[in-house]
Amino acid sequence: YVYNDASQLVSSNGTTTGWSYDKAGNETAAAPVNGTARTGETWTDHGQLKSITTVGTTRALTHAGTDNTERTALADTTFH
C-alpha cells in the first residue's frame, strides 16, 4: 500500500488509479477491490458516508442522531 502526505491511500498492489478525495479528505472513489470499484461516494457535512455506488447501483446510508444509540443503515441492513 502507498499513501500520500495526507495519509490517503493512492496505490494498492501496483494499482495507482481510481482513488479520489474531496477537499475534506473523504474518499469519493476507489480502485477496484476484487473487481468492484466504488464510485460516487458522497459525505455529510459531519463526515459521515451518505451514499456509495458500486456496479452501477447507488445505496444511501442513514445515521442516527447523537441523542440515539449510534446506528447506521445501509439499504436493508442496520449496523449498531
PDB file of N, CA and C in Angstrom:
ATOM      1  N   TYR A   1       0.838  -1.182   0.000  1.00  0.00           N
ATOM      2  CA  TYR A   1       0.000   0.000   0.000  1.00  0.00           C
ATOM      3  C   TYR A   1       0.878   1.239   0.000  1.00  0.00           C
ATOM      4  N   VAL A   2       0.436   2.267  -0.726  1.00  0.00           N
ATOM      5  CA  VAL A   2       1.156   3.541  -0.770  1.00  0.00           C
ATOM      6  C   VAL A   2       0.169   4.640  -0.398  1.00  0.00           C
ATOM      7  N   TYR A   3       0.616   5.543   0.475  1.00  0.00           N
ATOM      8  CA  TYR A   3      -0.221   6.647   0.942  1.00  0.00           C
ATOM      9  C   TYR A   3       0.438   7.969   0.584  1.00  0.00           C
ATOM     10  N   ASN A   4      -0.369   9.013   0.385  1.00  0.00           N
ATOM     11  CA  ASN A   4       0.178  10.339   0.114  1.00  0.00           C
ATOM     12  C   ASN A   4       0.470  11.063   1.427  1.00  0.00           C
ATOM     13  N   ASP A   5       0.878  12.343   1.337  1.00  0.00           N
ATOM     14  CA  ASP A   5       1.229  13.108   2.535  1.00  0.00           C
ATOM     15  C   ASP A   5       0.041  13.333   3.467  1.00  0.00           C
ATOM     16  N   ALA A   6      -1.177  13.194   2.949  1.00  0.00           N
ATOM     17  CA  ALA A   6      -2.384  13.355   3.766  1.00  0.00           C
ATOM     18  C   ALA A   6      -2.867  12.013   4.326  1.00  0.00           C
ATOM     19  N   SER A   7      -2.024  10.981   4.216  1.00  0.00           N
ATOM     20  CA  SER A   7      -2.337   9.625   4.692  1.00  0.00           C
ATOM     21  C   SER A   7      -3.520   9.000   3.960  1.00  0.00           C
ATOM     22  N   GLN A   8      -3.698   9.376   2.692  1.00  0.00           N
ATOM     23  CA  GLN A   8      -4.754   8.810   1.863  1.00  0.00           C
ATOM     24  C   GLN A   8      -4.164   7.728   0.971  1.00  0.00           C
ATOM     25  N   LEU A   9      -4.866   6.621   0.848  1.00  0.00           N
ATOM     26  CA  LEU A   9      -4.415   5.526   0.004  1.00  0.00           C
ATOM     27  C   LEU A   9      -4.379   5.972  -1.450  1.00  0.00           C
ATOM     28  N   VAL A  10      -3.250   5.759  -2.119  1.00  0.00           N
ATOM     29  CA  VAL A  10      -3.120   6.135  -3.533  1.00  0.00           C
ATOM     30  C   VAL A  10      -2.667   4.972  -4.403  1.00  0.00           C
ATOM     31  N   SER A  11      -2.260   3.858  -3.794  1.00  0.00           N
ATOM     32  CA  SER A  11      -1.821   2.704  -4.577  1.00  0.00           C
ATOM     33  C   SER A  11      -1.959   1.438  -3.749  1.00  0.00           C
ATOM     34  N   SER A  12      -2.418   0.389  -4.424  1.00  0.00           N
ATOM     35  CA  SER A  12      -2.545  -0.913  -3.785  1.00  0.00           C
ATOM     36  C   SER A  12      -2.209  -1.981  -4.810  1.00  0.00           C
ATOM     37  N   ASN A  13      -1.270  -2.830  -4.466  1.00  0.00           N
ATOM     38  CA  ASN A  13      -0.870  -3.922  -5.367  1.00  0.00           C
ATOM     39  C   ASN A  13      -0.542  -3.429  -6.765  1.00  0.00           C
ATOM     40  N   GLY A  14       0.116  -2.272  -6.854  1.00  0.00           N
ATOM     41  CA  GLY A  14       0.531  -1.732  -8.145  1.00  0.00           C
ATOM     42  C   GLY A  14      -0.517  -0.905  -8.856  1.00  0.00           C
ATOM     43  N   THR A  15      -1.754  -0.871  -8.370  1.00  0.00           N
ATOM     44  CA  THR A  15      -2.807  -0.063  -8.981  1.00  0.00           C
ATOM     45  C   THR A  15      -2.712   1.351  -8.438  1.00  0.00           C
ATOM     46  N   THR A  16      -2.489   2.322  -9.328  1.00  0.00           N
ATOM     47  CA  THR A  16      -2.315   3.705  -8.880  1.00  0.00           C
ATOM     48  C   THR A  16      -3.412   4.628  -9.395  1.00  0.00           C
ATOM     49  N   THR A  17      -4.435   4.101 -10.027  1.00  0.00           N
ATOM     50  CA  THR A  17      -5.538   4.938 -10.484  1.00  0.00           C
ATOM     51  C   THR A  17      -6.830   4.468  -9.846  1.00  0.00           C
ATOM     52  N   GLY A  18      -7.763   5.373  -9.722  1.00  0.00           N
ATOM     53  CA  GLY A  18      -9.066   5.003  -9.195  1.00  0.00           C
ATOM     54  C   GLY A  18      -9.431   5.659  -7.888  1.00  0.00           C
ATOM     55  N   TRP A  19      -8.457   6.188  -7.158  1.00  0.00           N
ATOM     56  CA  TRP A  19      -8.778   6.835  -5.894  1.00  0.00           C
ATOM     57  C   TRP A  19      -8.919   8.331  -6.094  1.00  0.00           C
ATOM     58  N   SER A  20      -9.932   8.906  -5.451  1.00  0.00           N
ATOM     59  CA  SER A  20     -10.067  10.359  -5.431  1.00  0.00           C
ATOM     60  C   SER A  20     -10.648  10.769  -4.083  1.00  0.00           C
ATOM     61  N   TYR A  21     -10.393  12.014  -3.714  1.00  0.00           N
ATOM     62  CA  TYR A  21     -10.785  12.524  -2.406  1.00  0.00           C
ATOM     63  C   TYR A  21     -11.342  13.929  -2.559  1.00  0.00           C
ATOM     64  N   ASP A  22     -12.282  14.306  -1.684  1.00  0.00           N
ATOM     65  CA  ASP A  22     -12.810  15.666  -1.712  1.00  0.00           C
ATOM     66  C   ASP A  22     -11.914  16.581  -0.881  1.00  0.00           C
ATOM     67  N   LYS A  23     -12.276  17.873  -0.806  1.00  0.00           N
ATOM     68  CA  LYS A  23     -11.447  18.849  -0.087  1.00  0.00           C
ATOM     69  C   LYS A  23     -11.322  18.534   1.397  1.00  0.00           C
ATOM     70  N   ALA A  24     -12.304  17.832   1.954  1.00  0.00           N
ATOM     71  CA  ALA A  24     -12.262  17.462   3.369  1.00  0.00           C
ATOM     72  C   ALA A  24     -11.445  16.198   3.609  1.00  0.00           C
ATOM     73  N   GLY A  25     -10.962  15.577   2.526  1.00  0.00           N
ATOM     74  CA  GLY A  25     -10.160  14.367   2.651  1.00  0.00           C
ATOM     75  C   GLY A  25     -10.958  13.082   2.611  1.00  0.00           C
ATOM     76  N   ASN A  26     -12.259  13.183   2.376  1.00  0.00           N
ATOM     77  CA  ASN A  26     -13.099  11.990   2.276  1.00  0.00           C
ATOM     78  C   ASN A  26     -12.912  11.322   0.924  1.00  0.00           C
ATOM     79  N   GLU A  27     -12.856  10.017   0.912  1.00  0.00           N
ATOM     80  CA  GLU A  27     -12.733   9.268  -0.334  1.00  0.00           C
ATOM     81  C   GLU A  27     -14.014   9.426  -1.151  1.00  0.00           C
ATOM     82  N   THR A  28     -13.883   9.772  -2.436  1.00  0.00           N
ATOM     83  CA  THR A  28     -15.049   9.909  -3.312  1.00  0.00           C
ATOM     84  C   THR A  28     -15.109   8.807  -4.359  1.00  0.00           C
ATOM     85  N   ALA A  29     -14.032   8.099  -4.552  1.00  0.00           N
ATOM     86  CA  ALA A  29     -13.984   6.948  -5.457  1.00  0.00           C
ATOM     87  C   ALA A  29     -12.785   6.096  -5.070  1.00  0.00           C
ATOM     88  N   ALA A  30     -12.883   4.797  -5.361  1.00  0.00           N
ATOM     89  CA  ALA A  30     -11.792   3.887  -5.021  1.00  0.00           C
ATOM     90  C   ALA A  30     -11.579   2.894  -6.144  1.00  0.00           C
ATOM     91  N   ALA A  31     -10.347   2.482  -6.299  1.00  0.00           N
ATOM     92  CA  ALA A  31      -9.990   1.493  -7.315  1.00  0.00           C
ATOM     93  C   ALA A  31     -10.675   0.167  -7.001  1.00  0.00           C
ATOM     94  N   PRO A  32     -10.813  -0.673  -7.996  1.00  0.00           N
ATOM     95  CA  PRO A  32     -11.480  -1.961  -7.790  1.00  0.00           C
ATOM     96  C   PRO A  32     -10.796  -2.831  -6.735  1.00  0.00           C
ATOM     97  N   VAL A  33     -11.604  -3.431  -5.893  1.00  0.00           N
ATOM     98  CA  VAL A  33     -11.170  -4.445  -4.942  1.00  0.00           C
ATOM     99  C   VAL A  33     -11.970  -5.685  -5.299  1.00  0.00           C
ATOM    100  N   ASN A  34     -11.287  -6.765  -5.576  1.00  0.00           N
ATOM    101  CA  ASN A  34     -11.960  -7.984  -6.041  1.00  0.00           C
ATOM    102  C   ASN A  34     -12.827  -7.705  -7.267  1.00  0.00           C
ATOM    103  N   GLY A  35     -12.367  -6.776  -8.126  1.00  0.00           N
ATOM    104  CA  GLY A  35     -13.066  -6.486  -9.366  1.00  0.00           C
ATOM    105  C   GLY A  35     -14.173  -5.464  -9.276  1.00  0.00           C
ATOM    106  N   THR A  36     -14.451  -4.929  -8.087  1.00  0.00           N
ATOM    107  CA  THR A  36     -15.548  -3.981  -7.915  1.00  0.00           C
ATOM    108  C   THR A  36     -15.022  -2.630  -7.455  1.00  0.00           C
ATOM    109  N   ALA A  37     -15.220  -1.603  -8.285  1.00  0.00           N
ATOM    110  CA  ALA A  37     -14.810  -0.247  -7.915  1.00  0.00           C
ATOM    111  C   ALA A  37     -15.941   0.444  -7.166  1.00  0.00           C
ATOM    112  N   ARG A  38     -15.568   1.370  -6.302  1.00  0.00           N
ATOM    113  CA  ARG A  38     -16.547   2.222  -5.630  1.00  0.00           C
ATOM    114  C   ARG A  38     -16.469   3.592  -6.286  1.00  0.00           C
ATOM    115  N   THR A  39     -17.600   4.134  -6.674  1.00  0.00           N
ATOM    116  CA  THR A  39     -17.641   5.455  -7.290  1.00  0.00           C
ATOM    117  C   THR A  39     -18.756   6.255  -6.644  1.00  0.00           C
ATOM    118  N   GLY A  40     -18.751   7.545  -6.858  1.00  0.00           N
ATOM    119  CA  GLY A  40     -19.849   8.372  -6.391  1.00  0.00           C
ATOM    120  C   GLY A  40     -20.073   8.356  -4.899  1.00  0.00           C
ATOM    121  N   GLU A  41     -19.023   8.220  -4.112  1.00  0.00           N
ATOM    122  CA  GLU A  41     -19.180   8.275  -2.667  1.00  0.00           C
ATOM    123  C   GLU A  41     -19.456   9.719  -2.275  1.00  0.00           C
ATOM    124  N   THR A  42     -20.513   9.934  -1.493  1.00  0.00           N
ATOM    125  CA  THR A  42     -20.823  11.281  -1.009  1.00  0.00           C
ATOM    126  C   THR A  42     -20.840  11.265   0.511  1.00  0.00           C
ATOM    127  N   TRP A  43     -20.613  12.440   1.101  1.00  0.00           N
ATOM    128  CA  TRP A  43     -20.445  12.557   2.546  1.00  0.00           C
ATOM    129  C   TRP A  43     -21.314  13.676   3.098  1.00  0.00           C
ATOM    130  N   THR A  44     -21.733  13.537   4.361  1.00  0.00           N
ATOM    131  CA  THR A  44     -22.485  14.598   5.024  1.00  0.00           C
ATOM    132  C   THR A  44     -21.516  15.678   5.479  1.00  0.00           C
ATOM    133  N   ASP A  45     -22.066  16.793   5.947  1.00  0.00           N
ATOM    134  CA  ASP A  45     -21.225  17.868   6.483  1.00  0.00           C
ATOM    135  C   ASP A  45     -20.497  17.436   7.750  1.00  0.00           C
ATOM    136  N   HIS A  46     -20.920  16.330   8.349  1.00  0.00           N
ATOM    137  CA  HIS A  46     -20.301  15.821   9.576  1.00  0.00           C
ATOM    138  C   HIS A  46     -19.323  14.687   9.305  1.00  0.00           C
ATOM    139  N   GLY A  47     -18.987  14.461   8.022  1.00  0.00           N
ATOM    140  CA  GLY A  47     -18.004  13.447   7.669  1.00  0.00           C
ATOM    141  C   GLY A  47     -18.518  12.023   7.703  1.00  0.00           C
ATOM    142  N   GLN A  48     -19.838  11.849   7.626  1.00  0.00           N
ATOM    143  CA  GLN A  48     -20.412  10.504   7.598  1.00  0.00           C
ATOM    144  C   GLN A  48     -20.728  10.135   6.154  1.00  0.00           C
ATOM    145  N   LEU A  49     -20.446   8.898   5.784  1.00  0.00           N
ATOM    146  CA  LEU A  49     -20.739   8.437   4.437  1.00  0.00           C
ATOM    147  C   LEU A  49     -22.237   8.535   4.188  1.00  0.00           C
ATOM    148  N   LYS A  50     -22.626   9.225   3.097  1.00  0.00           N
ATOM    149  CA  LYS A  50     -24.035   9.465   2.779  1.00  0.00           C
ATOM    150  C   LYS A  50     -24.551   8.496   1.719  1.00  0.00           C
ATOM    151  N   SER A  51     -23.731   8.212   0.708  1.00  0.00           N
ATOM    152  CA  SER A  51     -24.122   7.248  -0.322  1.00  0.00           C
ATOM    153  C   SER A  51     -22.875   6.673  -0.969  1.00  0.00           C
ATOM    154  N   ILE A  52     -23.053   5.514  -1.569  1.00  0.00           N
ATOM    155  CA  ILE A  52     -21.943   4.841  -2.232  1.00  0.00           C
ATOM    156  C   ILE A  52     -22.494   4.105  -3.451  1.00  0.00           C
ATOM    157  N   THR A  53     -21.739   4.123  -4.536  1.00  0.00           N
ATOM    158  CA  THR A  53     -22.155   3.453  -5.761  1.00  0.00           C
ATOM    159  C   THR A  53     -21.159   2.348  -6.092  1.00  0.00           C
ATOM    160  N   THR A  54     -21.668   1.150  -6.317  1.00  0.00           N
ATOM    161  CA  THR A  54     -20.866   0.024  -6.791  1.00  0.00           C
ATOM    162  C   THR A  54     -21.659  -0.687  -7.877  1.00  0.00           C
ATOM    163  N   VAL A  55     -20.980  -1.086  -8.915  1.00  0.00           N
ATOM    164  CA  VAL A  55     -21.571  -1.817 -10.031  1.00  0.00           C
ATOM    165  C   VAL A  55     -22.846  -1.118 -10.527  1.00  0.00           C
ATOM    166  N   GLY A  56     -22.810   0.225 -10.577  1.00  0.00           N
ATOM    167  CA  GLY A  56     -23.928   0.994 -11.103  1.00  0.00           C
ATOM    168  C   GLY A  56     -25.111   1.160 -10.174  1.00  0.00           C
ATOM    169  N   THR A  57     -25.037   0.634  -8.964  1.00  0.00           N
ATOM    170  CA  THR A  57     -26.128   0.755  -8.000  1.00  0.00           C
ATOM    171  C   THR A  57     -25.707   1.678  -6.870  1.00  0.00           C
ATOM    172  N   THR A  58     -26.518   2.714  -6.618  1.00  0.00           N
ATOM    173  CA  THR A  58     -26.241   3.645  -5.529  1.00  0.00           C
ATOM    174  C   THR A  58     -27.072   3.259  -4.319  1.00  0.00           C
ATOM    175  N   ARG A  59     -26.406   3.199  -3.183  1.00  0.00           N
ATOM    176  CA  ARG A  59     -27.083   2.879  -1.930  1.00  0.00           C
ATOM    177  C   ARG A  59     -26.888   4.037  -0.967  1.00  0.00           C
ATOM    178  N   ALA A  60     -27.977   4.467  -0.364  1.00  0.00           N
ATOM    179  CA  ALA A  60     -27.923   5.559   0.603  1.00  0.00           C
ATOM    180  C   ALA A  60     -27.701   4.999   2.003  1.00  0.00           C
ATOM    181  N   LEU A  61     -27.010   5.774   2.826  1.00  0.00           N
ATOM    182  CA  LEU A  61     -26.828   5.419   4.224  1.00  0.00           C
ATOM    183  C   LEU A  61     -27.562   6.445   5.066  1.00  0.00           C
ATOM    184  N   THR A  62     -28.090   6.019   6.206  1.00  0.00           N
ATOM    185  CA  THR A  62     -28.679   6.945   7.158  1.00  0.00           C
ATOM    186  C   THR A  62     -27.999   6.729   8.494  1.00  0.00           C
ATOM    187  N   HIS A  63     -27.893   7.802   9.253  1.00  0.00           N
ATOM    188  CA  HIS A  63     -27.203   7.752  10.540  1.00  0.00           C
ATOM    189  C   HIS A  63     -28.120   8.304  11.621  1.00  0.00           C
ATOM    190  N   ALA A  64     -28.093   7.703  12.785  1.00  0.00           N
ATOM    191  CA  ALA A  64     -28.876   8.189  13.916  1.00  0.00           C
ATOM    192  C   ALA A  64     -28.265   9.482  14.430  1.00  0.00           C
ATOM    193  N   GLY A  65     -29.079  10.278  15.070  1.00  0.00           N
ATOM    194  CA  GLY A  65     -28.576  11.489  15.698  1.00  0.00           C
ATOM    195  C   GLY A  65     -27.744  11.148  16.918  1.00  0.00           C
ATOM    196  N   THR A  66     -27.056  12.125  17.450  1.00  0.00           N
ATOM    197  CA  THR A  66     -26.167  11.872  18.586  1.00  0.00           C
ATOM    198  C   THR A  66     -26.925  11.568  19.868  1.00  0.00           C
ATOM    199  N   ASP A  67     -28.241  11.820  19.901  1.00  0.00           N
ATOM    200  CA  ASP A  67     -29.008  11.517  21.105  1.00  0.00           C
ATOM    201  C   ASP A  67     -29.538  10.080  21.110  1.00  0.00           C
ATOM    202  N   ASN A  68     -29.282   9.325  20.075  1.00  0.00           N
ATOM    203  CA  ASN A  68     -29.718   7.930  19.981  1.00  0.00           C
ATOM    204  C   ASN A  68     -28.514   7.010  20.059  1.00  0.00           C
ATOM    205  N   THR A  69     -28.784   5.732  20.254  1.00  0.00           N
ATOM    206  CA  THR A  69     -27.720   4.757  20.116  1.00  0.00           C
ATOM    207  C   THR A  69     -27.208   4.882  18.694  1.00  0.00           C
ATOM    208  N   GLU A  70     -25.921   4.961  18.520  1.00  0.00           N
ATOM    209  CA  GLU A  70     -25.368   5.157  17.178  1.00  0.00           C
ATOM    210  C   GLU A  70     -25.714   3.978  16.290  1.00  0.00           C
ATOM    211  N   ARG A  71     -26.393   4.264  15.205  1.00  0.00           N
ATOM    212  CA  ARG A  71     -26.780   3.242  14.237  1.00  0.00           C
ATOM    213  C   ARG A  71     -26.555   3.786  12.843  1.00  0.00           C
ATOM    214  N   THR A  72     -26.194   2.915  11.955  1.00  0.00           N
ATOM    215  CA  THR A  72     -26.055   3.255  10.542  1.00  0.00           C
ATOM    216  C   THR A  72     -26.835   2.223   9.753  1.00  0.00           C
ATOM    217  N   ALA A  73     -27.628   2.695   8.807  1.00  0.00           N
ATOM    218  CA  ALA A  73     -28.384   1.784   7.950  1.00  0.00           C
ATOM    219  C   ALA A  73     -27.875   1.913   6.528  1.00  0.00           C
ATOM    220  N   LEU A  74     -27.580   0.787   5.906  1.00  0.00           N
ATOM    221  CA  LEU A  74     -27.172   0.720   4.505  1.00  0.00           C
ATOM    222  C   LEU A  74     -28.125  -0.248   3.829  1.00  0.00           C
ATOM    223  N   ALA A  75     -28.975   0.305   2.948  1.00  0.00           N
ATOM    224  CA  ALA A  75     -30.023  -0.494   2.304  1.00  0.00           C
ATOM    225  C   ALA A  75     -30.878  -1.130   3.396  1.00  0.00           C
ATOM    226  N   ASP A  76     -31.005  -2.444   3.430  1.00  0.00           N
ATOM    227  CA  ASP A  76     -31.850  -3.117   4.420  1.00  0.00           C
ATOM    228  C   ASP A  76     -31.087  -3.597   5.648  1.00  0.00           C
ATOM    229  N   THR A  77     -29.832  -3.220   5.782  1.00  0.00           N
ATOM    230  CA  THR A  77     -29.002  -3.681   6.890  1.00  0.00           C
ATOM    231  C   THR A  77     -28.721  -2.535   7.848  1.00  0.00           C
ATOM    232  N   THR A  78     -28.918  -2.765   9.146  1.00  0.00           N
ATOM    233  CA  THR A  78     -28.630  -1.764  10.167  1.00  0.00           C
ATOM    234  C   THR A  78     -27.445  -2.234  10.994  1.00  0.00           C
ATOM    235  N   PHE A  79     -26.502  -1.333  11.202  1.00  0.00           N
ATOM    236  CA  PHE A  79     -25.305  -1.619  11.995  1.00  0.00           C
ATOM    237  C   PHE A  79     -25.402  -0.849  13.304  1.00  0.00           C
ATOM    238  N   HIS A  80     -25.048  -1.491  14.420  1.00  0.00           N
ATOM    239  CA  HIS A  80     -25.104  -0.846  15.733  1.00  0.00           C
ATOM    240  C   HIS A  80     -23.718  -0.609  16.247  1.00  0.00           C
TER     241      HIS A  80
END
